[in-house]
Amino acid sequence: MGFLRTLFWVAVTVVVVVFSIRNWVPVTINLFGDLQADVKLPVLLMIVFLIGFVPLYLWHYAWRWRERRRRTSELGAAVQPVVTPEPALYQPPTPGFGPAQAD
């Protein structure tokens, strides 16, 4: 299985490198006002990819972290035994309700 994963990533890397070499042309981006920027096309595509990928990756990482914390706290609560207090063997008499005491 590791061989197939490595083969897949090598193929993806080769495709990205060939695409980058064949499309290494400057692209003019119109920014606000009269400001323009000349950026190479593969660099622009990588920036756009990261703008879309990074926020979703951070959201997914935070969700996994929160679920892992919730699961461990539930597991910790389930493992702890329930402790019930032992009933008292001797109950002291309550004043006023016992037998009358002689003076």
PDB file of N, CA and C in Angstrom:
ATOM      1  N   MET A   1       0.816  -1.185   0.000  1.00  0.00           N
ATOM      2  CA  MET A   1       0.000   0.000   0.000  1.00  0.00           C
ATOM      3  C   MET A   1       0.867   1.259   0.000  1.00  0.00           C
ATOM      4  N   GLY A   2       1.977   1.220   0.717  1.00  0.00           N
ATOM      5  CA  GLY A   2       2.887   2.358   0.749  1.00  0.00           C
ATOM      6  C   GLY A   2       3.483   2.623  -0.627  1.00  0.00           C
ATOM      7  N   PHE A   3       3.721   1.567  -1.405  1.00  0.00           N
ATOM      8  CA  PHE A   3       4.268   1.730  -2.749  1.00  0.00           C
ATOM      9  C   PHE A   3       3.288   2.490  -3.642  1.00  0.00           C
ATOM     10  N   LEU A   4       2.009   2.154  -3.557  1.00  0.00           N
ATOM     11  CA  LEU A   4       1.000   2.837  -4.375  1.00  0.00           C
ATOM     12  C   LEU A   4       0.865   4.312  -3.979  1.00  0.00           C
ATOM     13  N   ARG A   5       0.934   4.586  -2.698  1.00  0.00           N
ATOM     14  CA  ARG A   5       0.864   5.967  -2.230  1.00  0.00           C
ATOM     15  C   ARG A   5       2.068   6.765  -2.747  1.00  0.00           C
ATOM     16  N   THR A   6       3.248   6.182  -2.675  1.00  0.00           N
ATOM     17  CA  THR A   6       4.444   6.845  -3.175  1.00  0.00           C
ATOM     18  C   THR A   6       4.358   7.050  -4.685  1.00  0.00           C
ATOM     19  N   LEU A   7       3.883   6.049  -5.398  1.00  0.00           N
ATOM     20  CA  LEU A   7       3.730   6.163  -6.844  1.00  0.00           C
ATOM     21  C   LEU A   7       2.742   7.267  -7.204  1.00  0.00           C
ATOM     22  N   PHE A   8       1.657   7.385  -6.449  1.00  0.00           N
ATOM     23  CA  PHE A   8       0.672   8.437  -6.692  1.00  0.00           C
ATOM     24  C   PHE A   8       1.291   9.816  -6.505  1.00  0.00           C
ATOM     25  N   TRP A   9       2.034  10.018  -5.404  1.00  0.00           N
ATOM     26  CA  TRP A   9       2.625  11.331  -5.146  1.00  0.00           C
ATOM     27  C   TRP A   9       3.733  11.665  -6.136  1.00  0.00           C
ATOM     28  N   VAL A  10       4.463  10.668  -6.608  1.00  0.00           N
ATOM     29  CA  VAL A  10       5.483  10.910  -7.637  1.00  0.00           C
ATOM     30  C   VAL A  10       4.801  11.344  -8.939  1.00  0.00           C
ATOM     31  N   ALA A  11       3.689  10.691  -9.293  1.00  0.00           N
ATOM     32  CA  ALA A  11       2.965  11.053 -10.511  1.00  0.00           C
ATOM     33  C   ALA A  11       2.392  12.470 -10.404  1.00  0.00           C
ATOM     34  N   VAL A  12       1.829  12.824  -9.257  1.00  0.00           N
ATOM     35  CA  VAL A  12       1.286  14.172  -9.062  1.00  0.00           C
ATOM     36  C   VAL A  12       2.405  15.201  -9.153  1.00  0.00           C
ATOM     37  N   THR A  13       3.550  14.919  -8.569  1.00  0.00           N
ATOM     38  CA  THR A  13       4.688  15.840  -8.604  1.00  0.00           C
ATOM     39  C   THR A  13       5.181  16.043 -10.031  1.00  0.00           C
ATOM     40  N   VAL A  14       5.262  14.977 -10.807  1.00  0.00           N
ATOM     41  CA  VAL A  14       5.710  15.084 -12.199  1.00  0.00           C
ATOM     42  C   VAL A  14       4.725  15.933 -13.007  1.00  0.00           C
ATOM     43  N   VAL A  15       3.423  15.726 -12.804  1.00  0.00           N
ATOM     44  CA  VAL A  15       2.427  16.509 -13.531  1.00  0.00           C
ATOM     45  C   VAL A  15       2.530  17.989 -13.164  1.00  0.00           C
ATOM     46  N   VAL A  16       2.700  18.299 -11.879  1.00  0.00           N
ATOM     47  CA  VAL A  16       2.804  19.697 -11.446  1.00  0.00           C
ATOM     48  C   VAL A  16       4.069  20.342 -12.010  1.00  0.00           C
ATOM     49  N   VAL A  17       5.178  19.629 -12.013  1.00  0.00           N
ATOM     50  CA  VAL A  17       6.438  20.186 -12.535  1.00  0.00           C
ATOM     51  C   VAL A  17       6.337  20.420 -14.044  1.00  0.00           C
ATOM     52  N   VAL A  18       5.778  19.464 -14.776  1.00  0.00           N
ATOM     53  CA  VAL A  18       5.645  19.641 -16.229  1.00  0.00           C
ATOM     54  C   VAL A  18       4.708  20.804 -16.528  1.00  0.00           C
ATOM     55  N   PHE A  19       3.591  20.908 -15.785  1.00  0.00           N
ATOM     56  CA  PHE A  19       2.660  22.020 -15.969  1.00  0.00           C
ATOM     57  C   PHE A  19       3.350  23.353 -15.685  1.00  0.00           C
ATOM     58  N   SER A  20       4.131  23.404 -14.616  1.00  0.00           N
ATOM     59  CA  SER A  20       4.803  24.650 -14.236  1.00  0.00           C
ATOM     60  C   SER A  20       5.832  25.074 -15.280  1.00  0.00           C
ATOM     61  N   ILE A  21       6.580  24.126 -15.805  1.00  0.00           N
ATOM     62  CA  ILE A  21       7.615  24.454 -16.800  1.00  0.00           C
ATOM     63  C   ILE A  21       6.970  24.946 -18.092  1.00  0.00           C
ATOM     64  N   ARG A  22       5.905  24.296 -18.527  1.00  0.00           N
ATOM     65  CA  ARG A  22       5.289  24.658 -19.805  1.00  0.00           C
ATOM     66  C   ARG A  22       4.439  25.931 -19.715  1.00  0.00           C
ATOM     67  N   ASN A  23       4.066  26.359 -18.505  1.00  0.00           N
ATOM     68  CA  ASN A  23       3.236  27.548 -18.347  1.00  0.00           C
ATOM     69  C   ASN A  23       3.928  28.641 -17.543  1.00  0.00           C
ATOM     70  N   TRP A  24       5.237  28.737 -17.632  1.00  0.00           N
ATOM     71  CA  TRP A  24       5.995  29.729 -16.867  1.00  0.00           C
ATOM     72  C   TRP A  24       5.951  31.060 -17.617  1.00  0.00           C
ATOM     73  N   VAL A  25       4.776  31.665 -17.602  1.00  0.00           N
ATOM     74  CA  VAL A  25       4.585  32.945 -18.290  1.00  0.00           C
ATOM     75  C   VAL A  25       4.091  33.960 -17.275  1.00  0.00           C
ATOM     76  N   PRO A  26       4.453  35.236 -17.466  1.00  0.00           N
ATOM     77  CA  PRO A  26       3.943  36.250 -16.533  1.00  0.00           C
ATOM     78  C   PRO A  26       2.477  36.566 -16.807  1.00  0.00           C
ATOM     79  N   VAL A  27       1.739  36.761 -15.727  1.00  0.00           N
ATOM     80  CA  VAL A  27       0.333  37.132 -15.795  1.00  0.00           C
ATOM     81  C   VAL A  27       0.192  38.454 -15.069  1.00  0.00           C
ATOM     82  N   THR A  28      -0.505  39.406 -15.676  1.00  0.00           N
ATOM     83  CA  THR A  28      -0.690  40.708 -15.059  1.00  0.00           C
ATOM     84  C   THR A  28      -1.988  40.684 -14.257  1.00  0.00           C
ATOM     85  N   ILE A  29      -1.871  41.043 -12.991  1.00  0.00           N
ATOM     86  CA  ILE A  29      -3.033  41.091 -12.104  1.00  0.00           C
ATOM     87  C   ILE A  29      -3.331  42.557 -11.820  1.00  0.00           C
ATOM     88  N   ASN A  30      -4.567  42.973 -12.061  1.00  0.00           N
ATOM     89  CA  ASN A  30      -4.978  44.336 -11.757  1.00  0.00           C
ATOM     90  C   ASN A  30      -5.424  44.403 -10.305  1.00  0.00           C
ATOM     91  N   LEU A  31      -4.668  45.107  -9.502  1.00  0.00           N
ATOM     92  CA  LEU A  31      -5.026  45.296  -8.103  1.00  0.00           C
ATOM     93  C   LEU A  31      -5.871  46.556  -7.998  1.00  0.00           C
ATOM     94  N   PHE A  32      -6.108  47.070  -6.839  1.00  0.00           N
ATOM     95  CA  PHE A  32      -6.933  48.259  -6.669  1.00  0.00           C
ATOM     96  C   PHE A  32      -6.235  49.488  -7.255  1.00  0.00           C
ATOM     97  N   GLY A  33      -7.038  50.383  -7.812  1.00  0.00           N
ATOM     98  CA  GLY A  33      -6.487  51.593  -8.412  1.00  0.00           C
ATOM     99  C   GLY A  33      -5.718  51.279  -9.687  1.00  0.00           C
ATOM    100  N   ASP A  34      -4.604  51.965  -9.879  1.00  0.00           N
ATOM    101  CA  ASP A  34      -3.765  51.737 -11.048  1.00  0.00           C
ATOM    102  C   ASP A  34      -2.653  50.731 -10.773  1.00  0.00           C
ATOM    103  N   LEU A  35      -2.716  50.060  -9.663  1.00  0.00           N
ATOM    104  CA  LEU A  35      -1.659  49.138  -9.255  1.00  0.00           C
ATOM    105  C   LEU A  35      -1.808  47.811 -10.004  1.00  0.00           C
ATOM    106  N   GLN A  36      -0.718  47.335 -10.575  1.00  0.00           N
ATOM    107  CA  GLN A  36      -0.697  46.052 -11.282  1.00  0.00           C
ATOM    108  C   GLN A  36       0.483  45.235 -10.784  1.00  0.00           C
ATOM    109  N   ALA A  37       0.318  43.918 -10.847  1.00  0.00           N
ATOM    110  CA  ALA A  37       1.403  43.020 -10.433  1.00  0.00           C
ATOM    111  C   ALA A  37       1.616  41.970 -11.507  1.00  0.00           C
ATOM    112  N   ASP A  38       2.865  41.725 -11.838  1.00  0.00           N
ATOM    113  CA  ASP A  38       3.210  40.656 -12.775  1.00  0.00           C
ATOM    114  C   ASP A  38       3.662  39.451 -11.973  1.00  0.00           C
ATOM    115  N   VAL A  39       2.925  38.354 -12.117  1.00  0.00           N
ATOM    116  CA  VAL A  39       3.188  37.134 -11.355  1.00  0.00           C
ATOM    117  C   VAL A  39       3.239  35.979 -12.344  1.00  0.00           C
ATOM    118  N   LYS A  40       4.129  35.040 -12.101  1.00  0.00           N
ATOM    119  CA  LYS A  40       4.182  33.843 -12.948  1.00  0.00           C
ATOM    120  C   LYS A  40       2.940  32.982 -12.682  1.00  0.00           C
ATOM    121  N   LEU A  41       2.420  32.362 -13.717  1.00  0.00           N
ATOM    122  CA  LEU A  41       1.162  31.621 -13.619  1.00  0.00           C
ATOM    123  C   LEU A  41       1.193  30.492 -12.582  1.00  0.00           C
ATOM    124  N   PRO A  42       2.218  29.635 -12.520  1.00  0.00           N
ATOM    125  CA  PRO A  42       2.214  28.589 -11.489  1.00  0.00           C
ATOM    126  C   PRO A  42       2.233  29.152 -10.065  1.00  0.00           C
ATOM    127  N   VAL A  43       2.942  30.270  -9.862  1.00  0.00           N
ATOM    128  CA  VAL A  43       2.971  30.891  -8.536  1.00  0.00           C
ATOM    129  C   VAL A  43       1.581  31.407  -8.173  1.00  0.00           C
ATOM    130  N   LEU A  44       0.906  32.018  -9.138  1.00  0.00           N
ATOM    131  CA  LEU A  44      -0.456  32.511  -8.908  1.00  0.00           C
ATOM    132  C   LEU A  44      -1.405  31.363  -8.569  1.00  0.00           C
ATOM    133  N   LEU A  45      -1.294  30.259  -9.284  1.00  0.00           N
ATOM    134  CA  LEU A  45      -2.154  29.102  -9.000  1.00  0.00           C
ATOM    135  C   LEU A  45      -1.877  28.519  -7.618  1.00  0.00           C
ATOM    136  N   MET A  46      -0.606  28.499  -7.202  1.00  0.00           N
ATOM    137  CA  MET A  46      -0.271  27.991  -5.876  1.00  0.00           C
ATOM    138  C   MET A  46      -0.829  28.902  -4.792  1.00  0.00           C
ATOM    139  N   ILE A  47      -0.760  30.219  -4.997  1.00  0.00           N
ATOM    140  CA  ILE A  47      -1.302  31.161  -4.011  1.00  0.00           C
ATOM    141  C   ILE A  47      -2.812  30.990  -3.889  1.00  0.00           C
ATOM    142  N   VAL A  48      -3.496  30.862  -5.024  1.00  0.00           N
ATOM    143  CA  VAL A  48      -4.946  30.689  -5.003  1.00  0.00           C
ATOM    144  C   VAL A  48      -5.315  29.366  -4.334  1.00  0.00           C
ATOM    145  N   PHE A  49      -4.553  28.316  -4.609  1.00  0.00           N
ATOM    146  CA  PHE A  49      -4.807  27.022  -3.967  1.00  0.00           C
ATOM    147  C   PHE A  49      -4.654  27.121  -2.454  1.00  0.00           C
ATOM    148  N   LEU A  50      -3.594  27.782  -2.004  1.00  0.00           N
ATOM    149  CA  LEU A  50      -3.371  27.914  -0.559  1.00  0.00           C
ATOM    150  C   LEU A  50      -4.434  28.780   0.108  1.00  0.00           C
ATOM    151  N   ILE A  51      -4.921  29.815  -0.580  1.00  0.00           N
ATOM    152  CA  ILE A  51      -5.991  30.646  -0.015  1.00  0.00           C
ATOM    153  C   ILE A  51      -7.245  29.817   0.214  1.00  0.00           C
ATOM    154  N   GLY A  52      -7.520  28.864  -0.641  1.00  0.00           N
ATOM    155  CA  GLY A  52      -8.684  28.008  -0.456  1.00  0.00           C
ATOM    156  C   GLY A  52      -8.434  26.857   0.501  1.00  0.00           C
ATOM    157  N   PHE A  53      -7.209  26.349   0.539  1.00  0.00           N
ATOM    158  CA  PHE A  53      -6.920  25.140   1.312  1.00  0.00           C
ATOM    159  C   PHE A  53      -6.659  25.406   2.787  1.00  0.00           C
ATOM    160  N   VAL A  54      -5.880  26.421   3.108  1.00  0.00           N
ATOM    161  CA  VAL A  54      -5.429  26.654   4.483  1.00  0.00           C
ATOM    162  C   VAL A  54      -6.583  26.907   5.460  1.00  0.00           C
ATOM    163  N   PRO A  55      -7.573  27.759   5.156  1.00  0.00           N
ATOM    164  CA  PRO A  55      -8.659  27.947   6.126  1.00  0.00           C
ATOM    165  C   PRO A  55      -9.452  26.664   6.386  1.00  0.00           C
ATOM    166  N   LEU A  56      -9.718  25.898   5.351  1.00  0.00           N
ATOM    167  CA  LEU A  56     -10.459  24.648   5.552  1.00  0.00           C
ATOM    168  C   LEU A  56      -9.626  23.618   6.318  1.00  0.00           C
ATOM    169  N   TYR A  57      -8.322  23.601   6.074  1.00  0.00           N
ATOM    170  CA  TYR A  57      -7.457  22.692   6.825  1.00  0.00           C
ATOM    171  C   TYR A  57      -7.429  23.061   8.307  1.00  0.00           C
ATOM    172  N   LEU A  58      -7.335  24.353   8.595  1.00  0.00           N
ATOM    173  CA  LEU A  58      -7.339  24.794   9.998  1.00  0.00           C
ATOM    174  C   LEU A  58      -8.668  24.475  10.668  1.00  0.00           C
ATOM    175  N   TRP A  59      -9.765  24.674   9.967  1.00  0.00           N
ATOM    176  CA  TRP A  59     -11.091  24.332  10.514  1.00  0.00           C
ATOM    177  C   TRP A  59     -11.182  22.838  10.795  1.00  0.00           C
ATOM    178  N   HIS A  60     -10.712  22.011   9.860  1.00  0.00           N
ATOM    179  CA  HIS A  60     -10.746  20.559  10.050  1.00  0.00           C
ATOM    180  C   HIS A  60      -9.860  20.134  11.222  1.00  0.00           C
ATOM    181  N   TYR A  61      -8.684  20.734  11.349  1.00  0.00           N
ATOM    182  CA  TYR A  61      -7.777  20.415  12.454  1.00  0.00           C
ATOM    183  C   TYR A  61      -8.407  20.792  13.798  1.00  0.00           C
ATOM    184  N   ALA A  62      -9.048  21.961  13.846  1.00  0.00           N
ATOM    185  CA  ALA A  62      -9.708  22.381  15.090  1.00  0.00           C
ATOM    186  C   ALA A  62     -10.871  21.467  15.429  1.00  0.00           C
ATOM    187  N   TRP A  63     -11.614  21.048  14.425  1.00  0.00           N
ATOM    188  CA  TRP A  63     -12.738  20.130  14.665  1.00  0.00           C
ATOM    189  C   TRP A  63     -12.228  18.788  15.186  1.00  0.00           C
ATOM    190  N   ARG A  64     -11.174  18.238  14.609  1.00  0.00           N
ATOM    191  CA  ARG A  64     -10.615  16.964  15.084  1.00  0.00           C
ATOM    192  C   ARG A  64     -10.093  17.093  16.513  1.00  0.00           C
ATOM    193  N   TRP A  65      -9.440  18.226  16.820  1.00  0.00           N
ATOM    194  CA  TRP A  65      -8.918  18.449  18.171  1.00  0.00           C
ATOM    195  C   TRP A  65     -10.062  18.510  19.167  1.00  0.00           C
ATOM    196  N   ARG A  66     -11.147  19.224  18.833  1.00  0.00           N
ATOM    197  CA  ARG A  66     -12.297  19.346  19.722  1.00  0.00           C
ATOM    198  C   ARG A  66     -12.971  17.981  19.927  1.00  0.00           C
ATOM    199  N   GLU A  67     -13.126  17.199  18.861  1.00  0.00           N
ATOM    200  CA  GLU A  67     -13.731  15.872  18.988  1.00  0.00           C
ATOM    201  C   GLU A  67     -12.860  14.943  19.828  1.00  0.00           C
ATOM    202  N   ARG A  68     -11.549  15.027  19.654  1.00  0.00           N
ATOM    203  CA  ARG A  68     -10.646  14.181  20.436  1.00  0.00           C
ATOM    204  C   ARG A  68     -10.735  14.534  21.915  1.00  0.00           C
ATOM    205  N   ARG A  69     -10.798  15.836  22.248  1.00  0.00           N
ATOM    206  CA  ARG A  69     -10.936  16.260  23.644  1.00  0.00           C
ATOM    207  C   ARG A  69     -12.272  15.808  24.226  1.00  0.00           C
ATOM    208  N   ARG A  70     -13.340  15.916  23.426  1.00  0.00           N
ATOM    209  CA  ARG A  70     -14.662  15.508  23.899  1.00  0.00           C
ATOM    210  C   ARG A  70     -14.694  13.995  24.147  1.00  0.00           C
ATOM    211  N   ARG A  71     -14.109  13.243  23.227  1.00  0.00           N
ATOM    212  CA  ARG A  71     -14.102  11.796  23.379  1.00  0.00           C
ATOM    213  C   ARG A  71     -13.302  11.357  24.599  1.00  0.00           C
ATOM    214  N   THR A  72     -12.143  11.999  24.855  1.00  0.00           N
ATOM    215  CA  THR A  72     -11.342  11.611  26.012  1.00  0.00           C
ATOM    216  C   THR A  72     -12.026  12.029  27.313  1.00  0.00           C
ATOM    217  N   SER A  73     -12.737  13.151  27.308  1.00  0.00           N
ATOM    218  CA  SER A  73     -13.434  13.545  28.533  1.00  0.00           C
ATOM    219  C   SER A  73     -14.610  12.614  28.799  1.00  0.00           C
ATOM    220  N   GLU A  74     -15.312  12.179  27.747  1.00  0.00           N
ATOM    221  CA  GLU A  74     -16.393  11.214  27.943  1.00  0.00           C
ATOM    222  C   GLU A  74     -15.841   9.871  28.402  1.00  0.00           C
ATOM    223  N   LEU A  75     -14.722   9.475  27.848  1.00  0.00           N
ATOM    224  CA  LEU A  75     -14.111   8.209  28.241  1.00  0.00           C
ATOM    225  C   LEU A  75     -13.640   8.275  29.687  1.00  0.00           C
ATOM    226  N   GLY A  76     -13.075   9.402  30.089  1.00  0.00           N
ATOM    227  CA  GLY A  76     -12.624   9.562  31.469  1.00  0.00           C
ATOM    228  C   GLY A  76     -13.785   9.530  32.441  1.00  0.00           C
ATOM    229  N   ALA A  77     -14.921  10.099  32.053  1.00  0.00           N
ATOM    230  CA  ALA A  77     -16.096  10.091  32.924  1.00  0.00           C
ATOM    231  C   ALA A  77     -16.693   8.692  33.002  1.00  0.00           C
ATOM    232  N   ALA A  78     -16.589   7.917  31.932  1.00  0.00           N
ATOM    233  CA  ALA A  78     -17.164   6.576  31.935  1.00  0.00           C
ATOM    234  C   ALA A  78     -16.301   5.598  32.728  1.00  0.00           C
ATOM    235  N   VAL A  79     -15.012   5.838  32.804  1.00  0.00           N
ATOM    236  CA  VAL A  79     -14.111   4.914  33.478  1.00  0.00           C
ATOM    237  C   VAL A  79     -14.155   5.091  34.990  1.00  0.00           C
ATOM    238  N   GLN A  80     -14.388   6.283  35.471  1.00  0.00           N
ATOM    239  CA  GLN A  80     -14.376   6.526  36.903  1.00  0.00           C
ATOM    240  C   GLN A  80     -15.569   5.827  37.567  1.00  0.00           C
ATOM    241  N   PRO A  81     -15.307   5.055  38.631  1.00  0.00           N
ATOM    242  CA  PRO A  81     -16.419   4.368  39.300  1.00  0.00           C
ATOM    243  C   PRO A  81     -17.281   5.354  40.086  1.00  0.00           C
ATOM    244  N   VAL A  82     -18.537   4.995  40.203  1.00  0.00           N
ATOM    245  CA  VAL A  82     -19.459   5.823  40.973  1.00  0.00           C
ATOM    246  C   VAL A  82     -19.288   5.445  42.440  1.00  0.00           C
ATOM    247  N   VAL A  83     -18.995   6.403  43.280  1.00  0.00           N
ATOM    248  CA  VAL A  83     -18.762   6.157  44.695  1.00  0.00           C
ATOM    249  C   VAL A  83     -19.998   6.586  45.457  1.00  0.00           C
ATOM    250  N   THR A  84     -20.594   5.623  46.166  1.00  0.00           N
ATOM    251  CA  THR A  84     -21.759   5.946  46.992  1.00  0.00           C
ATOM    252  C   THR A  84     -21.321   5.913  48.452  1.00  0.00           C
ATOM    253  N   PRO A  85     -21.764   6.836  49.254  1.00  0.00           N
ATOM    254  CA  PRO A  85     -21.357   6.834  50.662  1.00  0.00           C
ATOM    255  C   PRO A  85     -22.013   5.665  51.400  1.00  0.00           C
ATOM    256  N   GLU A  86     -21.269   5.117  52.353  1.00  0.00           N
ATOM    257  CA  GLU A  86     -21.813   4.016  53.151  1.00  0.00           C
ATOM    258  C   GLU A  86     -22.854   4.573  54.120  1.00  0.00           C
ATOM    259  N   PRO A  87     -23.905   3.796  54.378  1.00  0.00           N
ATOM    260  CA  PRO A  87     -24.903   4.287  55.332  1.00  0.00           C
ATOM    261  C   PRO A  87     -24.315   4.308  56.749  1.00  0.00           C
ATOM    262  N   ALA A  88     -24.722   5.281  57.514  1.00  0.00           N
ATOM    263  CA  ALA A  88     -24.224   5.412  58.884  1.00  0.00           C
ATOM    264  C   ALA A  88     -24.830   4.305  59.749  1.00  0.00           C
ATOM    265  N   LEU A  89     -23.989   3.637  60.558  1.00  0.00           N
ATOM    266  CA  LEU A  89     -24.489   2.576  61.417  1.00  0.00           C
ATOM    267  C   LEU A  89     -25.146   3.149  62.670  1.00  0.00           C
ATOM    268  N   TYR A  90     -24.670   4.250  63.121  1.00  0.00           N
ATOM    269  CA  TYR A  90     -25.224   4.842  64.336  1.00  0.00           C
ATOM    270  C   TYR A  90     -25.798   6.197  63.986  1.00  0.00           C
ATOM    271  N   GLN A  91     -27.027   6.416  64.336  1.00  0.00           N
ATOM    272  CA  GLN A  91     -27.674   7.697  64.108  1.00  0.00           C
ATOM    273  C   GLN A  91     -27.895   8.342  65.462  1.00  0.00           C
ATOM    274  N   PRO A  92     -27.324   9.495  65.701  1.00  0.00           N
ATOM    275  CA  PRO A  92     -27.516  10.148  67.003  1.00  0.00           C
ATOM    276  C   PRO A  92     -28.985  10.565  67.141  1.00  0.00           C
ATOM    277  N   PRO A  93     -29.495  10.495  68.368  1.00  0.00           N
ATOM    278  CA  PRO A  93     -30.902  10.871  68.566  1.00  0.00           C
ATOM    279  C   PRO A  93     -31.112  12.350  68.332  1.00  0.00           C
ATOM    280  N   THR A  94     -32.262  12.657  67.806  1.00  0.00           N
ATOM    281  CA  THR A  94     -32.584  14.068  67.564  1.00  0.00           C
ATOM    282  C   THR A  94     -33.234  14.612  68.828  1.00  0.00           C
ATOM    283  N   PRO A  95     -32.880  15.817  69.248  1.00  0.00           N
ATOM    284  CA  PRO A  95     -33.425  16.347  70.486  1.00  0.00           C
ATOM    285  C   PRO A  95     -34.931  16.650  70.342  1.00  0.00           C
ATOM    286  N   GLY A  96     -35.649  16.327  71.415  1.00  0.00           N
ATOM    287  CA  GLY A  96     -37.077  16.635  71.461  1.00  0.00           C
ATOM    288  C   GLY A  96     -37.973  15.495  71.041  1.00  0.00           C
ATOM    289  N   PHE A  97     -37.452  14.471  70.401  1.00  0.00           N
ATOM    290  CA  PHE A  97     -38.291  13.386  69.926  1.00  0.00           C
ATOM    291  C   PHE A  97     -38.012  12.061  70.657  1.00  0.00           C
ATOM    292  N   GLY A  98     -37.059  12.036  71.557  1.00  0.00           N
ATOM    293  CA  GLY A  98     -36.725  10.811  72.269  1.00  0.00           C
ATOM    294  C   GLY A  98     -37.563  10.669  73.546  1.00  0.00           C
ATOM    295  N   PRO A  99     -37.284   9.652  74.347  1.00  0.00           N
ATOM    296  CA  PRO A  99     -38.001   9.500  75.632  1.00  0.00           C
ATOM    297  C   PRO A  99     -37.671  10.640  76.557  1.00  0.00           C
ATOM    298  N   ALA A 100     -38.615  10.954  77.403  1.00  0.00           N
ATOM    299  CA  ALA A 100     -38.444  12.070  78.345  1.00  0.00           C
ATOM    300  C   ALA A 100     -37.398  11.686  79.375  1.00  0.00           C
ATOM    301  N   GLN A 101     -36.525  12.636  79.694  1.00  0.00           N
ATOM    302  CA  GLN A 101     -35.488  12.390  80.671  1.00  0.00           C
ATOM    303  C   GLN A 101     -35.930  12.939  82.013  1.00  0.00           C
ATOM    304  N   ALA A 102     -35.686  12.169  83.069  1.00  0.00           N
ATOM    305  CA  ALA A 102     -36.075  12.593  84.417  1.00  0.00           C
ATOM    306  C   ALA A 102     -34.983  13.454  85.003  1.00  0.00           C
ATOM    307  N   ASP A 103     -35.419  14.470  85.742  1.00  0.00           N
ATOM    308  CA  ASP A 103     -34.466  15.333  86.419  1.00  0.00           C
ATOM    309  C   ASP A 103     -34.165  14.839  87.776  1.00  0.00           C
TER     310      ASP A 103
END
